[in-house]
């Protein structure tokens, strides 16, 4: 099942913080802190693009990937 299928509606191309957070499966505060930046449409009026959310989610490392990559980089810096 896809993320969009789990929602009670079809995910639109532009979403409010609440809808974007539900789409990503996280809180609005976490989305604002760690997620992609929203698009400012007008002063005080922002929306998140579904395509930005999809790209951001796809770019997240699998569990354990980030630590392994960091260890490899540190070893290369230390030992050449």
PDB file of N, CA and C in Angstrom:
ATOM      1  N   UNK A   1       0.852  -1.176   0.000  1.00  0.00           N
ATOM      2  CA  UNK A   1       0.000   0.000   0.000  1.00  0.00           C
ATOM      3  C   UNK A   1       0.893   1.232   0.000  1.00  0.00           C
ATOM      4  N   UNK A   2       0.566   2.219  -0.784  1.00  0.00           N
ATOM      5  CA  UNK A   2       1.339   3.460  -0.835  1.00  0.00           C
ATOM      6  C   UNK A   2       0.898   4.403   0.267  1.00  0.00           C
ATOM      7  N   UNK A   3       1.738   5.421   0.528  1.00  0.00           N
ATOM      8  CA  UNK A   3       1.389   6.410   1.548  1.00  0.00           C
ATOM      9  C   UNK A   3       0.052   7.061   1.229  1.00  0.00           C
ATOM     10  N   UNK A   4      -0.125   7.468  -0.017  1.00  0.00           N
ATOM     11  CA  UNK A   4      -1.346   8.173  -0.397  1.00  0.00           C
ATOM     12  C   UNK A   4      -2.573   7.287  -0.199  1.00  0.00           C
ATOM     13  N   UNK A   5      -2.432   5.997  -0.440  1.00  0.00           N
ATOM     14  CA  UNK A   5      -3.577   5.104  -0.294  1.00  0.00           C
ATOM     15  C   UNK A   5      -3.997   4.974   1.166  1.00  0.00           C
ATOM     16  N   UNK A   6      -3.078   5.216   2.105  1.00  0.00           N
ATOM     17  CA  UNK A   6      -3.395   5.104   3.519  1.00  0.00           C
ATOM     18  C   UNK A   6      -4.162   6.321   4.025  1.00  0.00           C
ATOM     19  N   UNK A   7      -4.156   7.409   3.280  1.00  0.00           N
ATOM     20  CA  UNK A   7      -4.864   8.607   3.679  1.00  0.00           C
ATOM     21  C   UNK A   7      -6.337   8.496   3.302  1.00  0.00           C
ATOM     22  N   UNK A   8      -7.179   9.225   4.020  1.00  0.00           N
ATOM     23  CA  UNK A   8      -8.609   9.164   3.698  1.00  0.00           C
ATOM     24  C   UNK A   8      -8.979   9.994   2.471  1.00  0.00           C
ATOM     25  N   UNK A   9      -7.987  10.510   1.771  1.00  0.00           N
ATOM     26  CA  UNK A   9      -8.225  11.324   0.577  1.00  0.00           C
ATOM     27  C   UNK A   9      -7.060  11.138  -0.377  1.00  0.00           C
ATOM     28  N   UNK A  10      -7.233  11.571  -1.583  1.00  0.00           N
ATOM     29  CA  UNK A  10      -6.149  11.540  -2.556  1.00  0.00           C
ATOM     30  C   UNK A  10      -5.256  12.748  -2.305  1.00  0.00           C
ATOM     31  N   UNK A  11      -3.959  12.547  -2.163  1.00  0.00           N
ATOM     32  CA  UNK A  11      -3.042  13.638  -1.825  1.00  0.00           C
ATOM     33  C   UNK A  11      -2.952  14.625  -2.978  1.00  0.00           C
ATOM     34  N   UNK A  12      -3.252  15.887  -2.707  1.00  0.00           N
ATOM     35  CA  UNK A  12      -3.159  16.912  -3.740  1.00  0.00           C
ATOM     36  C   UNK A  12      -1.704  17.290  -4.016  1.00  0.00           C
ATOM     37  N   UNK A  13      -1.478  18.034  -5.059  1.00  0.00           N
ATOM     38  CA  UNK A  13      -0.124  18.462  -5.420  1.00  0.00           C
ATOM     39  C   UNK A  13       0.467  19.427  -4.404  1.00  0.00           C
ATOM     40  N   UNK A  14      -0.363  20.235  -3.765  1.00  0.00           N
ATOM     41  CA  UNK A  14       0.071  21.186  -2.742  1.00  0.00           C
ATOM     42  C   UNK A  14      -0.739  20.898  -1.480  1.00  0.00           C
ATOM     43  N   UNK A  15      -0.040  20.854  -0.320  1.00  0.00           N
ATOM     44  CA  UNK A  15      -0.718  20.488   0.922  1.00  0.00           C
ATOM     45  C   UNK A  15      -0.409  21.451   2.053  1.00  0.00           C
ATOM     46  N   UNK A  16      -1.356  21.575   2.976  1.00  0.00           N
ATOM     47  CA  UNK A  16      -1.125  22.321   4.209  1.00  0.00           C
ATOM     48  C   UNK A  16      -0.120  21.542   5.059  1.00  0.00           C
ATOM     49  N   UNK A  17       0.367  22.167   6.101  1.00  0.00           N
ATOM     50  CA  UNK A  17       1.287  21.482   7.004  1.00  0.00           C
ATOM     51  C   UNK A  17       0.689  20.234   7.605  1.00  0.00           C
ATOM     52  N   UNK A  18      -0.570  20.305   7.992  1.00  0.00           N
ATOM     53  CA  UNK A  18      -1.237  19.153   8.592  1.00  0.00           C
ATOM     54  C   UNK A  18      -1.359  18.003   7.594  1.00  0.00           C
ATOM     55  N   UNK A  19      -1.768  18.314   6.376  1.00  0.00           N
ATOM     56  CA  UNK A  19      -1.917  17.273   5.358  1.00  0.00           C
ATOM     57  C   UNK A  19      -0.558  16.713   4.948  1.00  0.00           C
ATOM     58  N   UNK A  20       0.444  17.588   4.807  1.00  0.00           N
ATOM     59  CA  UNK A  20       1.783  17.140   4.424  1.00  0.00           C
ATOM     60  C   UNK A  20       2.370  16.242   5.510  1.00  0.00           C
ATOM     61  N   UNK A  21       2.167  16.610   6.762  1.00  0.00           N
ATOM     62  CA  UNK A  21       2.671  15.797   7.865  1.00  0.00           C
ATOM     63  C   UNK A  21       1.984  14.428   7.882  1.00  0.00           C
ATOM     64  N   UNK A  22       0.673  14.400   7.660  1.00  0.00           N
ATOM     65  CA  UNK A  22      -0.041  13.130   7.594  1.00  0.00           C
ATOM     66  C   UNK A  22       0.461  12.290   6.430  1.00  0.00           C
ATOM     67  N   UNK A  23       0.705  12.916   5.298  1.00  0.00           N
ATOM     68  CA  UNK A  23       1.219  12.222   4.115  1.00  0.00           C
ATOM     69  C   UNK A  23       2.575  11.579   4.398  1.00  0.00           C
ATOM     70  N   UNK A  24       3.432  12.330   5.136  1.00  0.00           N
ATOM     71  CA  UNK A  24       4.771  11.835   5.455  1.00  0.00           C
ATOM     72  C   UNK A  24       4.780  10.928   6.683  1.00  0.00           C
ATOM     73  N   UNK A  25       3.668  10.874   7.412  1.00  0.00           N
ATOM     74  CA  UNK A  25       3.587  10.013   8.580  1.00  0.00           C
ATOM     75  C   UNK A  25       4.339  10.569   9.779  1.00  0.00           C
ATOM     76  N   UNK A  26       4.269  11.881   9.966  1.00  0.00           N
ATOM     77  CA  UNK A  26       4.976  12.511  11.071  1.00  0.00           C
ATOM     78  C   UNK A  26       4.177  13.684  11.594  1.00  0.00           C
ATOM     79  N   UNK A  27       4.649  14.296  12.681  1.00  0.00           N
ATOM     80  CA  UNK A  27       3.953  15.459  13.229  1.00  0.00           C
ATOM     81  C   UNK A  27       4.291  16.703  12.403  1.00  0.00           C
ATOM     82  N   UNK A  28       3.463  17.712  12.528  1.00  0.00           N
ATOM     83  CA  UNK A  28       3.710  18.968  11.817  1.00  0.00           C
ATOM     84  C   UNK A  28       5.016  19.590  12.301  1.00  0.00           C
ATOM     85  N   UNK A  29       5.287  19.534  13.615  1.00  0.00           N
ATOM     86  CA  UNK A  29       6.540  20.096  14.135  1.00  0.00           C
ATOM     87  C   UNK A  29       7.753  19.380  13.560  1.00  0.00           C
ATOM     88  N   UNK A  30       7.699  18.051  13.460  1.00  0.00           N
ATOM     89  CA  UNK A  30       8.812  17.301  12.867  1.00  0.00           C
ATOM     90  C   UNK A  30       8.971  17.641  11.393  1.00  0.00           C
ATOM     91  N   UNK A  31       7.869  17.762  10.686  1.00  0.00           N
ATOM     92  CA  UNK A  31       7.936  18.138   9.275  1.00  0.00           C
ATOM     93  C   UNK A  31       8.623  19.486   9.111  1.00  0.00           C
ATOM     94  N   UNK A  32       8.227  20.452   9.913  1.00  0.00           N
ATOM     95  CA  UNK A  32       8.828  21.788   9.820  1.00  0.00           C
ATOM     96  C   UNK A  32      10.303  21.776  10.194  1.00  0.00           C
ATOM     97  N   UNK A  33      10.688  20.906  11.132  1.00  0.00           N
ATOM     98  CA  UNK A  33      12.085  20.853  11.575  1.00  0.00           C
ATOM     99  C   UNK A  33      12.976  20.066  10.623  1.00  0.00           C
ATOM    100  N   UNK A  34      12.494  18.935  10.121  1.00  0.00           N
ATOM    101  CA  UNK A  34      13.349  18.010   9.382  1.00  0.00           C
ATOM    102  C   UNK A  34      12.982  17.815   7.921  1.00  0.00           C
ATOM    103  N   UNK A  35      11.785  18.189   7.543  1.00  0.00           N
ATOM    104  CA  UNK A  35      11.310  17.925   6.187  1.00  0.00           C
ATOM    105  C   UNK A  35      11.736  18.974   5.190  1.00  0.00           C
ATOM    106  N   UNK A  36      11.261  18.827   3.969  1.00  0.00           N
ATOM    107  CA  UNK A  36      11.578  19.826   2.938  1.00  0.00           C
ATOM    108  C   UNK A  36      10.918  21.158   3.272  1.00  0.00           C
ATOM    109  N   UNK A  37      11.482  22.207   2.767  1.00  0.00           N
ATOM    110  CA  UNK A  37      10.930  23.542   3.001  1.00  0.00           C
ATOM    111  C   UNK A  37       9.634  23.707   2.216  1.00  0.00           C
ATOM    112  N   UNK A  38       8.694  24.425   2.793  1.00  0.00           N
ATOM    113  CA  UNK A  38       7.447  24.678   2.068  1.00  0.00           C
ATOM    114  C   UNK A  38       7.633  25.776   1.027  1.00  0.00           C
ATOM    115  N   UNK A  39       6.657  25.923   0.193  1.00  0.00           N
ATOM    116  CA  UNK A  39       6.618  26.977  -0.816  1.00  0.00           C
ATOM    117  C   UNK A  39       5.790  28.121  -0.233  1.00  0.00           C
ATOM    118  N   UNK A  40       6.336  29.336  -0.269  1.00  0.00           N
ATOM    119  CA  UNK A  40       5.576  30.485   0.218  1.00  0.00           C
ATOM    120  C   UNK A  40       4.785  31.063  -0.943  1.00  0.00           C
ATOM    121  N   UNK A  41       3.494  30.974  -0.835  1.00  0.00           N
ATOM    122  CA  UNK A  41       2.604  31.447  -1.888  1.00  0.00           C
ATOM    123  C   UNK A  41       2.306  32.928  -1.710  1.00  0.00           C
ATOM    124  N   UNK A  42       2.130  33.329  -0.466  1.00  0.00           N
ATOM    125  CA  UNK A  42       1.894  34.727  -0.093  1.00  0.00           C
ATOM    126  C   UNK A  42       2.383  34.877   1.342  1.00  0.00           C
ATOM    127  N   UNK A  43       2.557  36.087   1.843  1.00  0.00           N
ATOM    128  CA  UNK A  43       3.004  36.238   3.232  1.00  0.00           C
ATOM    129  C   UNK A  43       2.103  35.467   4.195  1.00  0.00           C
ATOM    130  N   UNK A  44       2.718  34.580   4.964  1.00  0.00           N
ATOM    131  CA  UNK A  44       1.964  33.781   5.923  1.00  0.00           C
ATOM    132  C   UNK A  44       1.170  32.638   5.327  1.00  0.00           C
ATOM    133  N   UNK A  45       1.313  32.374   4.042  1.00  0.00           N
ATOM    134  CA  UNK A  45       0.545  31.338   3.357  1.00  0.00           C
ATOM    135  C   UNK A  45       1.511  30.386   2.675  1.00  0.00           C
ATOM    136  N   UNK A  46       1.764  29.234   3.313  1.00  0.00           N
ATOM    137  CA  UNK A  46       2.712  28.269   2.766  1.00  0.00           C
ATOM    138  C   UNK A  46       2.026  26.941   2.495  1.00  0.00           C
ATOM    139  N   UNK A  47       2.596  26.192   1.562  1.00  0.00           N
ATOM    140  CA  UNK A  47       2.134  24.851   1.228  1.00  0.00           C
ATOM    141  C   UNK A  47       3.357  23.985   0.921  1.00  0.00           C
ATOM    142  N   UNK A  48       3.203  22.683   1.134  1.00  0.00           N
ATOM    143  CA  UNK A  48       4.240  21.733   0.778  1.00  0.00           C
ATOM    144  C   UNK A  48       3.847  21.047  -0.517  1.00  0.00           C
ATOM    145  N   UNK A  49       4.804  20.913  -1.421  1.00  0.00           N
ATOM    146  CA  UNK A  49       4.562  20.190  -2.675  1.00  0.00           C
ATOM    147  C   UNK A  49       4.658  18.692  -2.415  1.00  0.00           C
ATOM    148  N   UNK A  50       3.725  17.940  -2.943  1.00  0.00           N
ATOM    149  CA  UNK A  50       3.783  16.485  -2.835  1.00  0.00           C
ATOM    150  C   UNK A  50       5.062  15.958  -3.472  1.00  0.00           C
ATOM    151  N   UNK A  51       5.470  16.537  -4.586  1.00  0.00           N
ATOM    152  CA  UNK A  51       6.695  16.071  -5.256  1.00  0.00           C
ATOM    153  C   UNK A  51       7.933  16.303  -4.386  1.00  0.00           C
ATOM    154  N   UNK A  52       7.977  17.424  -3.638  1.00  0.00           N
ATOM    155  CA  UNK A  52       9.102  17.675  -2.727  1.00  0.00           C
ATOM    156  C   UNK A  52       9.101  16.667  -1.580  1.00  0.00           C
ATOM    157  N   UNK A  53       7.922  16.366  -1.062  1.00  0.00           N
ATOM    158  CA  UNK A  53       7.816  15.377   0.005  1.00  0.00           C
ATOM    159  C   UNK A  53       8.260  14.005  -0.481  1.00  0.00           C
ATOM    160  N   UNK A  54       7.811  13.619  -1.674  1.00  0.00           N
ATOM    161  CA  UNK A  54       8.194  12.312  -2.225  1.00  0.00           C
ATOM    162  C   UNK A  54       9.703  12.219  -2.425  1.00  0.00           C
ATOM    163  N   UNK A  55      10.316  13.278  -2.963  1.00  0.00           N
ATOM    164  CA  UNK A  55      11.760  13.279  -3.189  1.00  0.00           C
ATOM    165  C   UNK A  55      12.513  13.225  -1.864  1.00  0.00           C
ATOM    166  N   UNK A  56      12.060  13.985  -0.873  1.00  0.00           N
ATOM    167  CA  UNK A  56      12.708  14.000   0.431  1.00  0.00           C
ATOM    168  C   UNK A  56      12.614  12.623   1.089  1.00  0.00           C
ATOM    169  N   UNK A  57      11.434  12.025   1.065  1.00  0.00           N
ATOM    170  CA  UNK A  57      11.252  10.707   1.670  1.00  0.00           C
ATOM    171  C   UNK A  57      12.137   9.678   0.968  1.00  0.00           C
ATOM    172  N   UNK A  58      12.203   9.734  -0.342  1.00  0.00           N
ATOM    173  CA  UNK A  58      13.034   8.783  -1.099  1.00  0.00           C
ATOM    174  C   UNK A  58      14.519   8.956  -0.800  1.00  0.00           C
ATOM    175  N   UNK A  59      14.932  10.173  -0.424  1.00  0.00           N
ATOM    176  CA  UNK A  59      16.356  10.433  -0.164  1.00  0.00           C
ATOM    177  C   UNK A  59      16.792  10.018   1.237  1.00  0.00           C
ATOM    178  N   UNK A  60      15.851   9.718   2.124  1.00  0.00           N
ATOM    179  CA  UNK A  60      16.219   9.332   3.484  1.00  0.00           C
ATOM    180  C   UNK A  60      16.921   7.982   3.466  1.00  0.00           C
ATOM    181  N   UNK A  61      17.979   7.835   4.275  1.00  0.00           N
ATOM    182  CA  UNK A  61      18.695   6.554   4.290  1.00  0.00           C
ATOM    183  C   UNK A  61      17.872   5.473   4.984  1.00  0.00           C
ATOM    184  N   UNK A  62      18.095   4.249   4.567  1.00  0.00           N
ATOM    185  CA  UNK A  62      17.499   3.123   5.263  1.00  0.00           C
ATOM    186  C   UNK A  62      18.099   3.075   6.660  1.00  0.00           C
ATOM    187  N   UNK A  63      17.444   2.453   7.595  1.00  0.00           N
ATOM    188  CA  UNK A  63      17.968   2.355   8.946  1.00  0.00           C
ATOM    189  C   UNK A  63      19.341   1.711   8.908  1.00  0.00           C
ATOM    190  N   UNK A  64      20.320   2.352   9.514  1.00  0.00           N
ATOM    191  CA  UNK A  64      21.683   1.836   9.552  1.00  0.00           C
ATOM    192  C   UNK A  64      22.564   2.349   8.433  1.00  0.00           C
ATOM    193  N   UNK A  65      22.011   2.818   7.331  1.00  0.00           N
ATOM    194  CA  UNK A  65      22.819   3.302   6.212  1.00  0.00           C
ATOM    195  C   UNK A  65      23.627   4.530   6.580  1.00  0.00           C
ATOM    196  N   UNK A  66      23.026   5.464   7.272  1.00  0.00           N
ATOM    197  CA  UNK A  66      23.701   6.708   7.613  1.00  0.00           C
ATOM    198  C   UNK A  66      24.928   6.476   8.469  1.00  0.00           C
ATOM    199  N   UNK A  67      24.850   5.590   9.460  1.00  0.00           N
ATOM    200  CA  UNK A  67      25.968   5.312  10.349  1.00  0.00           C
ATOM    201  C   UNK A  67      27.111   4.653   9.594  1.00  0.00           C
ATOM    202  N   UNK A  68      26.795   3.715   8.716  1.00  0.00           N
ATOM    203  CA  UNK A  68      27.840   3.034   7.943  1.00  0.00           C
ATOM    204  C   UNK A  68      28.570   4.011   7.038  1.00  0.00           C
ATOM    205  N   UNK A  69      27.849   4.889   6.377  1.00  0.00           N
ATOM    206  CA  UNK A  69      28.459   5.872   5.489  1.00  0.00           C
ATOM    207  C   UNK A  69      29.336   6.828   6.286  1.00  0.00           C
ATOM    208  N   UNK A  70      28.886   7.250   7.447  1.00  0.00           N
ATOM    209  CA  UNK A  70      29.655   8.158   8.294  1.00  0.00           C
ATOM    210  C   UNK A  70      30.944   7.487   8.770  1.00  0.00           C
ATOM    211  N   UNK A  71      30.882   6.218   9.136  1.00  0.00           N
ATOM    212  CA  UNK A  71      32.077   5.481   9.564  1.00  0.00           C
ATOM    213  C   UNK A  71      33.065   5.357   8.407  1.00  0.00           C
ATOM    214  N   UNK A  72      32.585   5.083   7.202  1.00  0.00           N
ATOM    215  CA  UNK A  72      33.460   4.951   6.039  1.00  0.00           C
ATOM    216  C   UNK A  72      34.164   6.272   5.751  1.00  0.00           C
ATOM    217  N   UNK A  73      33.400   7.376   5.801  1.00  0.00           N
ATOM    218  CA  UNK A  73      33.982   8.691   5.559  1.00  0.00           C
ATOM    219  C   UNK A  73      35.042   9.040   6.598  1.00  0.00           C
ATOM    220  N   UNK A  74      34.765   8.737   7.865  1.00  0.00           N
ATOM    221  CA  UNK A  74      35.718   9.029   8.924  1.00  0.00           C
ATOM    222  C   UNK A  74      36.994   8.208   8.749  1.00  0.00           C
ATOM    223  N   UNK A  75      36.856   6.946   8.351  1.00  0.00           N
ATOM    224  CA  UNK A  75      38.032   6.104   8.119  1.00  0.00           C
ATOM    225  C   UNK A  75      38.862   6.621   6.955  1.00  0.00           C
ATOM    226  N   UNK A  76      38.217   7.051   5.880  1.00  0.00           N
ATOM    227  CA  UNK A  76      38.952   7.593   4.742  1.00  0.00           C
ATOM    228  C   UNK A  76      39.719   8.851   5.114  1.00  0.00           C
ATOM    229  N   UNK A  77      39.087   9.714   5.922  1.00  0.00           N
ATOM    230  CA  UNK A  77      39.760  10.939   6.349  1.00  0.00           C
ATOM    231  C   UNK A  77      40.942  10.627   7.259  1.00  0.00           C
ATOM    232  N   UNK A  78      40.789   9.634   8.122  1.00  0.00           N
ATOM    233  CA  UNK A  78      41.841   9.308   9.086  1.00  0.00           C
ATOM    234  C   UNK A  78      43.006   8.549   8.453  1.00  0.00           C
ATOM    235  N   UNK A  79      42.705   7.644   7.521  1.00  0.00           N
ATOM    236  CA  UNK A  79      43.735   6.766   6.972  1.00  0.00           C
ATOM    237  C   UNK A  79      44.024   6.970   5.497  1.00  0.00           C
ATOM    238  N   UNK A  80      43.320   7.887   4.884  1.00  0.00           N
ATOM    239  CA  UNK A  80      43.580   8.172   3.473  1.00  0.00           C
ATOM    240  C   UNK A  80      42.908   7.271   2.597  1.00  0.00           C
TER     241      UNK A  80
END
